[in-house]
C-alpha atoms as a PDB file:
ATOM      1  CA  UNK A   1     103.685  55.840  64.223  1.00  0.00           C
ATOM      2  CA  UNK A   2     103.833  54.162  67.621  1.00  0.00           C
ATOM      3  CA  UNK A   3     105.066  50.578  67.557  1.00  0.00           C
ATOM      4  CA  UNK A   4     103.726  48.370  70.327  1.00  0.00           C
ATOM      5  CA  UNK A   5     105.753  45.527  71.838  1.00  0.00           C
ATOM      6  CA  UNK A   6     104.002  42.813  69.766  1.00  0.00           C
ATOM      7  CA  UNK A   7     104.518  44.852  66.590  1.00  0.00           C
ATOM      8  CA  UNK A   8     108.238  45.153  67.354  1.00  0.00           C
ATOM      9  CA  UNK A   9     108.356  41.406  68.017  1.00  0.00           C
ATOM     10  CA  UNK A  10     106.571  40.722  64.716  1.00  0.00           C
ATOM     11  CA  UNK A  11     109.096  42.853  62.843  1.00  0.00           C
ATOM     12  CA  UNK A  12     111.954  40.962  64.462  1.00  0.00           C
ATOM     13  CA  UNK A  13     110.462  37.581  63.548  1.00  0.00           C
ATOM     14  CA  UNK A  14     110.002  38.673  59.938  1.00  0.00           C
ATOM     15  CA  UNK A  15     113.647  39.698  59.788  1.00  0.00           C
ATOM     16  CA  UNK A  16     114.671  36.317  61.208  1.00  0.00           C
ATOM     17  CA  UNK A  17     112.604  34.500  58.568  1.00  0.00           C
ATOM     18  CA  UNK A  18     114.367  36.254  55.708  1.00  0.00           C
ATOM     19  CA  UNK A  19     117.775  36.262  57.421  1.00  0.00           C
ATOM     20  CA  UNK A  20     117.719  32.497  57.975  1.00  0.00           C
ATOM     21  CA  UNK A  21     116.999  31.905  54.295  1.00  0.00           C
ATOM     22  CA  UNK A  22     119.701  34.301  53.117  1.00  0.00           C
ATOM     23  CA  UNK A  23     122.386  33.030  55.511  1.00  0.00           C
ATOM     24  CA  UNK A  24     121.750  29.333  54.803  1.00  0.00           C
ATOM     25  CA  UNK A  25     121.247  29.713  51.051  1.00  0.00           C
ATOM     26  CA  UNK A  26     124.834  28.658  50.136  1.00  0.00           C
ATOM     27  CA  UNK A  27     124.720  25.559  52.359  1.00  0.00           C
ATOM     28  CA  UNK A  28     121.549  23.973  50.962  1.00  0.00           C
ATOM     29  CA  UNK A  29     121.034  21.731  47.913  1.00  0.00           C
ATOM     30  CA  UNK A  30     119.415  23.076  44.761  1.00  0.00           C
ATOM     31  CA  UNK A  31     116.190  21.184  45.426  1.00  0.00           C
ATOM     32  CA  UNK A  32     114.619  21.206  48.890  1.00  0.00           C
ATOM     33  CA  UNK A  33     111.999  19.064  50.557  1.00  0.00           C
ATOM     34  CA  UNK A  34     109.008  21.327  51.158  1.00  0.00           C
ATOM     35  CA  UNK A  35     106.132  19.001  52.034  1.00  0.00           C
ATOM     36  CA  UNK A  36     105.699  15.949  54.265  1.00  0.00           C
ATOM     37  CA  UNK A  37     102.819  13.474  54.372  1.00  0.00           C
ATOM     38  CA  UNK A  38     100.939  12.295  57.453  1.00  0.00           C
ATOM     39  CA  UNK A  39     103.634   9.699  58.121  1.00  0.00           C
ATOM     40  CA  UNK A  40     106.336  12.370  58.170  1.00  0.00           C
ATOM     41  CA  UNK A  41     107.840  11.299  54.845  1.00  0.00           C
ATOM     42  CA  UNK A  42     108.992  14.058  52.502  1.00  0.00           C
ATOM     43  CA  UNK A  43     106.817  13.839  49.379  1.00  0.00           C
ATOM     44  CA  UNK A  44     107.101  17.304  47.834  1.00  0.00           C
ATOM     45  CA  UNK A  45     110.119  19.254  46.579  1.00  0.00           C
ATOM     46  CA  UNK A  46     110.806  22.766  45.290  1.00  0.00           C
ATOM     47  CA  UNK A  47     113.711  24.684  43.761  1.00  0.00           C
ATOM     48  CA  UNK A  48     115.879  26.231  46.475  1.00  0.00           C
ATOM     49  CA  UNK A  49     114.959  29.871  45.847  1.00  0.00           C
ATOM     50  CA  UNK A  50     111.241  29.127  45.973  1.00  0.00           C
ATOM     51  CA  UNK A  51     111.493  26.872  49.012  1.00  0.00           C
ATOM     52  CA  UNK A  52     113.600  29.334  50.983  1.00  0.00           C
ATOM     53  CA  UNK A  53     111.586  32.470  50.378  1.00  0.00           C
ATOM     54  CA  UNK A  54     108.005  31.298  49.830  1.00  0.00           C
ATOM     55  CA  UNK A  55     107.203  30.968  53.533  1.00  0.00           C
ATOM     56  CA  UNK A  56     108.819  34.288  54.540  1.00  0.00           C
ATOM     57  CA  UNK A  57     106.918  36.070  51.748  1.00  0.00           C
ATOM     58  CA  UNK A  58     103.640  34.424  52.821  1.00  0.00           C
ATOM     59  CA  UNK A  59     104.354  35.480  56.419  1.00  0.00           C
ATOM     60  CA  UNK A  60     104.951  39.051  55.259  1.00  0.00           C
ATOM     61  CA  UNK A  61     101.676  39.016  53.318  1.00  0.00           C
ATOM     62  CA  UNK A  62      99.732  37.702  56.305  1.00  0.00           C
ATOM     63  CA  UNK A  63     101.309  40.369  58.512  1.00  0.00           C
ATOM     64  CA  UNK A  64     100.143  43.107  56.163  1.00  0.00           C
ATOM     65  CA  UNK A  65      96.680  41.559  55.944  1.00  0.00           C
ATOM     66  CA  UNK A  66      96.326  41.308  59.730  1.00  0.00           C
ATOM     67  CA  UNK A  67      97.387  44.950  60.011  1.00  0.00           C
ATOM     68  CA  UNK A  68      94.809  46.090  57.442  1.00  0.00           C
ATOM     69  CA  UNK A  69      91.765  44.120  58.597  1.00  0.00           C
ATOM     70  CA  UNK A  70      91.020  46.140  61.769  1.00  0.00           C
ATOM     71  CA  UNK A  71      91.229  49.364  59.761  1.00  0.00           C
ATOM     72  CA  UNK A  72      88.593  48.308  57.209  1.00  0.00           C
ATOM     73  CA  UNK A  73      86.250  46.543  59.629  1.00  0.00           C
ATOM     74  CA  UNK A  74      82.888  48.376  59.951  1.00  0.00           C
ATOM     75  CA  UNK A  75      83.043  47.423  63.644  1.00  0.00           C
ATOM     76  CA  UNK A  76      86.606  48.629  64.122  1.00  0.00           C
ATOM     77  CA  UNK A  77      85.645  50.218  67.441  1.00  0.00           C
ATOM     78  CA  UNK A  78      84.995  46.735  68.838  1.00  0.00           C
ATOM     79  CA  UNK A  79      88.361  45.526  67.554  1.00  0.00           C
ATOM     80  CA  UNK A  80      90.108  48.302  69.459  1.00  0.00           C
ATOM     81  CA  UNK A  81      88.803  46.779  72.695  1.00  0.00           C
ATOM     82  CA  UNK A  82      90.955  43.679  72.173  1.00  0.00           C
ATOM     83  CA  UNK A  83      93.650  45.219  69.958  1.00  0.00           C
ATOM     84  CA  UNK A  84      96.523  44.309  72.281  1.00  0.00           C
ATOM     85  CA  UNK A  85      95.529  40.618  72.355  1.00  0.00           C
ATOM     86  CA  UNK A  86      95.069  40.684  68.589  1.00  0.00           C
ATOM     87  CA  UNK A  87      98.558  42.089  68.010  1.00  0.00           C
ATOM     88  CA  UNK A  88     100.122  39.464  70.280  1.00  0.00           C
ATOM     89  CA  UNK A  89      98.226  36.802  68.354  1.00  0.00           C
ATOM     90  CA  UNK A  90      99.568  38.206  65.075  1.00  0.00           C
ATOM     91  CA  UNK A  91     103.087  37.930  66.492  1.00  0.00           C
ATOM     92  CA  UNK A  92     102.295  34.354  67.473  1.00  0.00           C
ATOM     93  CA  UNK A  93     101.274  33.573  63.887  1.00  0.00           C
ATOM     94  CA  UNK A  94     104.684  34.767  62.718  1.00  0.00           C
ATOM     95  CA  UNK A  95     106.406  32.696  65.409  1.00  0.00           C
ATOM     96  CA  UNK A  96     104.459  29.708  64.070  1.00  0.00           C
ATOM     97  CA  UNK A  97     105.812  30.376  60.558  1.00  0.00           C
ATOM     98  CA  UNK A  98     109.344  30.829  61.874  1.00  0.00           C
ATOM     99  CA  UNK A  99     109.175  27.477  63.641  1.00  0.00           C
ATOM    100  CA  UNK A 100     107.943  25.739  60.479  1.00  0.00           C
ATOM    101  CA  UNK A 101     110.657  27.453  58.465  1.00  0.00           C
ATOM    102  CA  UNK A 102     113.405  26.393  60.862  1.00  0.00           C
ATOM    103  CA  UNK A 103     112.169  22.785  60.800  1.00  0.00           C
ATOM    104  CA  UNK A 104     112.262  22.823  56.994  1.00  0.00           C
ATOM    105  CA  UNK A 105     115.756  24.291  56.956  1.00  0.00           C
ATOM    106  CA  UNK A 106     117.017  21.782  59.517  1.00  0.00           C
ATOM    107  CA  UNK A 107     115.619  18.858  57.523  1.00  0.00           C
ATOM    108  CA  UNK A 108     117.235  20.054  54.318  1.00  0.00           C
ATOM    109  CA  UNK A 109     120.553  20.547  56.101  1.00  0.00           C
ATOM    110  CA  UNK A 110     120.529  16.814  56.833  1.00  0.00           C
ATOM    111  CA  UNK A 111     118.979  16.583  60.285  1.00  0.00           C
ATOM    112  CA  UNK A 112     116.374  13.832  60.612  1.00  0.00           C
ATOM    113  CA  UNK A 113     113.499  13.772  63.097  1.00  0.00           C
ATOM    114  CA  UNK A 114     109.811  12.739  63.145  1.00  0.00           C
ATOM    115  CA  UNK A 115     108.405  15.757  61.298  1.00  0.00           C
ATOM    116  CA  UNK A 116     104.756  15.414  62.341  1.00  0.00           C
ATOM    117  CA  UNK A 117     105.680  15.083  66.009  1.00  0.00           C
ATOM    118  CA  UNK A 118     107.989  18.061  65.666  1.00  0.00           C
ATOM    119  CA  UNK A 119     105.048  20.085  64.335  1.00  0.00           C
ATOM    120  CA  UNK A 120     102.860  19.298  67.352  1.00  0.00           C
ATOM    121  CA  UNK A 121     104.217  22.059  69.646  1.00  0.00           C
ATOM    122  CA  UNK A 122     103.683  24.683  66.929  1.00  0.00           C
ATOM    123  CA  UNK A 123     100.090  23.679  66.290  1.00  0.00           C
ATOM    124  CA  UNK A 124      99.470  23.338  70.022  1.00  0.00           C
ATOM    125  CA  UNK A 125     100.614  26.923  70.589  1.00  0.00           C
ATOM    126  CA  UNK A 126      98.603  28.137  67.587  1.00  0.00           C
ATOM    127  CA  UNK A 127      95.364  26.522  68.759  1.00  0.00           C
ATOM    128  CA  UNK A 128      95.853  27.676  72.337  1.00  0.00           C
ATOM    129  CA  UNK A 129      96.540  31.189  71.076  1.00  0.00           C
ATOM    130  CA  UNK A 130      93.306  31.060  69.081  1.00  0.00           C
ATOM    131  CA  UNK A 131      91.521  30.138  72.292  1.00  0.00           C
ATOM    132  CA  UNK A 132      93.040  33.079  74.143  1.00  0.00           C
ATOM    133  CA  UNK A 133      92.069  35.443  71.322  1.00  0.00           C
ATOM    134  CA  UNK A 134      88.510  34.081  71.274  1.00  0.00           C
ATOM    135  CA  UNK A 135      88.201  34.801  74.954  1.00  0.00           C
ATOM    136  CA  UNK A 136      88.787  38.512  74.307  1.00  0.00           C
ATOM    137  CA  UNK A 137      87.122  39.220  70.963  1.00  0.00           C
ATOM    138  CA  UNK A 138      84.161  41.498  70.481  1.00  0.00           C
ATOM    139  CA  UNK A 139      81.805  41.223  67.527  1.00  0.00           C
ATOM    140  CA  UNK A 140      83.511  42.119  64.254  1.00  0.00           C
ATOM    141  CA  UNK A 141      83.606  40.991  60.641  1.00  0.00           C
ATOM    142  CA  UNK A 142      87.065  39.431  60.333  1.00  0.00           C
ATOM    143  CA  UNK A 143      88.336  37.993  63.620  1.00  0.00           C
ATOM    144  CA  UNK A 144      86.826  35.093  65.528  1.00  0.00           C
ATOM    145  CA  UNK A 145      83.959  32.675  64.915  1.00  0.00           C
ATOM    146  CA  UNK A 146      82.052  34.531  62.233  1.00  0.00           C
ATOM    147  CA  UNK A 147      78.755  32.817  61.446  1.00  0.00           C
ATOM    148  CA  UNK A 148      75.497  34.522  60.427  1.00  0.00           C
ATOM    149  CA  UNK A 149      74.273  33.955  63.976  1.00  0.00           C
ATOM    150  CA  UNK A 150      77.254  35.312  65.912  1.00  0.00           C
ATOM    151  CA  UNK A 151      77.361  38.362  63.633  1.00  0.00           C
ATOM    152  CA  UNK A 152      73.666  39.002  64.291  1.00  0.00           C
ATOM    153  CA  UNK A 153      73.825  39.051  68.083  1.00  0.00           C
ATOM    154  CA  UNK A 154      76.312  40.256  70.670  1.00  0.00           C
ATOM    155  CA  UNK A 155      74.956  37.670  73.081  1.00  0.00           C
ATOM    156  CA  UNK A 156      75.391  34.749  70.681  1.00  0.00           C
ATOM    157  CA  UNK A 157      78.851  36.044  69.793  1.00  0.00           C
ATOM    158  CA  UNK A 158      79.918  36.180  73.447  1.00  0.00           C
ATOM    159  CA  UNK A 159      78.527  32.754  74.389  1.00  0.00           C
ATOM    160  CA  UNK A 160      79.894  31.041  71.282  1.00  0.00           C
ATOM    161  CA  UNK A 161      83.359  32.517  71.795  1.00  0.00           C
ATOM    162  CA  UNK A 162      83.347  31.586  75.457  1.00  0.00           C
ATOM    163  CA  UNK A 163      82.843  27.956  74.483  1.00  0.00           C
ATOM    164  CA  UNK A 164      85.148  28.219  71.492  1.00  0.00           C
ATOM    165  CA  UNK A 165      87.929  29.573  73.710  1.00  0.00           C
ATOM    166  CA  UNK A 166      87.765  26.502  75.957  1.00  0.00           C
ATOM    167  CA  UNK A 167      87.573  24.076  73.044  1.00  0.00           C
ATOM    168  CA  UNK A 168      90.492  25.559  71.134  1.00  0.00           C
ATOM    169  CA  UNK A 169      92.645  25.653  74.252  1.00  0.00           C
ATOM    170  CA  UNK A 170      91.784  21.983  74.823  1.00  0.00           C
ATOM    171  CA  UNK A 171      92.650  21.275  71.169  1.00  0.00           C
ATOM    172  CA  UNK A 172      96.029  22.878  71.774  1.00  0.00           C
ATOM    173  CA  UNK A 173      96.690  20.669  74.779  1.00  0.00           C
ATOM    174  CA  UNK A 174      95.697  17.560  72.817  1.00  0.00           C
ATOM    175  CA  UNK A 175      97.896  18.596  69.890  1.00  0.00           C
ATOM    176  CA  UNK A 176     100.842  18.946  72.262  1.00  0.00           C
ATOM    177  CA  UNK A 177     100.220  15.381  73.450  1.00  0.00           C
ATOM    178  CA  UNK A 178     101.014  14.288  69.893  1.00  0.00           C
ATOM    179  CA  UNK A 179     104.747  14.616  70.626  1.00  0.00           C
ATOM    180  CA  UNK A 180     104.396  11.412  72.641  1.00  0.00           C
ATOM    181  CA  UNK A 181     103.141   9.235  69.786  1.00  0.00           C
ATOM    182  CA  UNK A 182     104.160   8.977  66.142  1.00  0.00           C
ATOM    183  CA  UNK A 183     100.926   7.139  65.317  1.00  0.00           C
ATOM    184  CA  UNK A 184      98.609   9.657  66.992  1.00  0.00           C
ATOM    185  CA  UNK A 185     100.411  12.921  66.235  1.00  0.00           C
ATOM    186  CA  UNK A 186      98.641  13.677  62.950  1.00  0.00           C
ATOM    187  CA  UNK A 187      95.240  12.756  64.404  1.00  0.00           C
ATOM    188  CA  UNK A 188      95.749  14.925  67.491  1.00  0.00           C
ATOM    189  CA  UNK A 189      96.781  17.877  65.337  1.00  0.00           C
ATOM    190  CA  UNK A 190      93.722  17.751  63.074  1.00  0.00           C
ATOM    191  CA  UNK A 191      90.738  15.972  64.613  1.00  0.00           C
ATOM    192  CA  UNK A 192      90.195  17.949  67.871  1.00  0.00           C
ATOM    193  CA  UNK A 193      90.378  21.356  66.179  1.00  0.00           C
ATOM    194  CA  UNK A 194      88.064  20.282  63.329  1.00  0.00           C
ATOM    195  CA  UNK A 195      85.498  18.980  65.824  1.00  0.00           C
ATOM    196  CA  UNK A 196      85.844  22.157  67.890  1.00  0.00           C
ATOM    197  CA  UNK A 197      85.263  24.380  64.861  1.00  0.00           C
ATOM    198  CA  UNK A 198      82.244  22.341  63.757  1.00  0.00           C
ATOM    199  CA  UNK A 199      80.785  22.427  67.265  1.00  0.00           C
ATOM    200  CA  UNK A 200      81.020  26.207  67.531  1.00  0.00           C
ATOM    201  CA  UNK A 201      79.192  26.671  64.208  1.00  0.00           C
ATOM    202  CA  UNK A 202      76.343  24.384  65.277  1.00  0.00           C
ATOM    203  CA  UNK A 203      76.256  25.897  68.761  1.00  0.00           C
ATOM    204  CA  UNK A 204      75.998  29.442  67.395  1.00  0.00           C
ATOM    205  CA  UNK A 205      72.978  28.448  65.291  1.00  0.00           C
ATOM    206  CA  UNK A 206      71.212  26.688  68.150  1.00  0.00           C
ATOM    207  CA  UNK A 207      71.982  29.491  70.587  1.00  0.00           C
ATOM    208  CA  UNK A 208      70.657  32.084  68.131  1.00  0.00           C
ATOM    209  CA  UNK A 209      67.411  30.121  67.744  1.00  0.00           C
ATOM    210  CA  UNK A 210      67.103  29.897  71.529  1.00  0.00           C
ATOM    211  CA  UNK A 211      67.715  33.625  71.916  1.00  0.00           C
ATOM    212  CA  UNK A 212      65.149  34.407  69.203  1.00  0.00           C
ATOM    213  CA  UNK A 213      62.490  32.233  70.873  1.00  0.00           C
ATOM    214  CA  UNK A 214      63.141  33.832  74.253  1.00  0.00           C
ATOM    215  CA  UNK A 215      62.890  37.296  72.727  1.00  0.00           C
ATOM    216  CA  UNK A 216      59.628  36.385  70.999  1.00  0.00           C
ATOM    217  CA  UNK A 217      58.174  35.010  74.236  1.00  0.00           C
ATOM    218  CA  UNK A 218      59.250  38.146  76.087  1.00  0.00           C
ATOM    219  CA  UNK A 219      57.589  40.475  73.574  1.00  0.00           C
ATOM    220  CA  UNK A 220      54.565  38.559  72.210  1.00  0.00           C
ATOM    221  CA  UNK A 221      52.719  41.735  71.169  1.00  0.00           C
ATOM    222  CA  UNK A 222      55.607  42.848  68.991  1.00  0.00           C
ATOM    223  CA  UNK A 223      55.644  39.463  67.346  1.00  0.00           C
ATOM    224  CA  UNK A 224      51.927  39.699  66.664  1.00  0.00           C
ATOM    225  CA  UNK A 225      52.254  43.126  65.014  1.00  0.00           C
ATOM    226  CA  UNK A 226      55.175  41.864  62.905  1.00  0.00           C
ATOM    227  CA  UNK A 227      53.074  38.994  61.568  1.00  0.00           C
END
């Protein structure tokens, strides 16, 4: 089996996730902080073994899932057209998990920092990566903005993802700006990307209706026979 560069990178990141947990296991307390609220205060704790290996195991599961999805997609031929971008995005997801894991380990080793602000670069990179991926996707069942309207039309899919790509990249830039403000960090991580996602869903519906009307006006006889 040929391993591409992003697949090799993904394998390396997975090894780092597990290696960090194994190496630091003896130096950590028996109970670890594992969750922080919007103010960056630790408000959730787990036993050490669970806290150290839960995220690496989840990352491994997501890696396997991302590897399987293109193989079972009925439109797998379309996925092959942006396979390289998809594999780099999958590696980016793992890098995101590694960053979160290292922050958690650092906190539990006694280092103190504004957690939400520290998360901003990771979410910024994740959102921007989503935007890059959207700019390359072709219609498929698992990857991208999958609404009934994008899945029903290549044109709606392309136009929706073109807009989605810009919005998610902008969301990434805004999330990165959160490192400058403790008060705004949580808002900049969540609000822009939620609004962007909601916009793309509404846009896909409206664009599909527009496309349907234009098609009906272009072929009025066919519409008459169908009625």
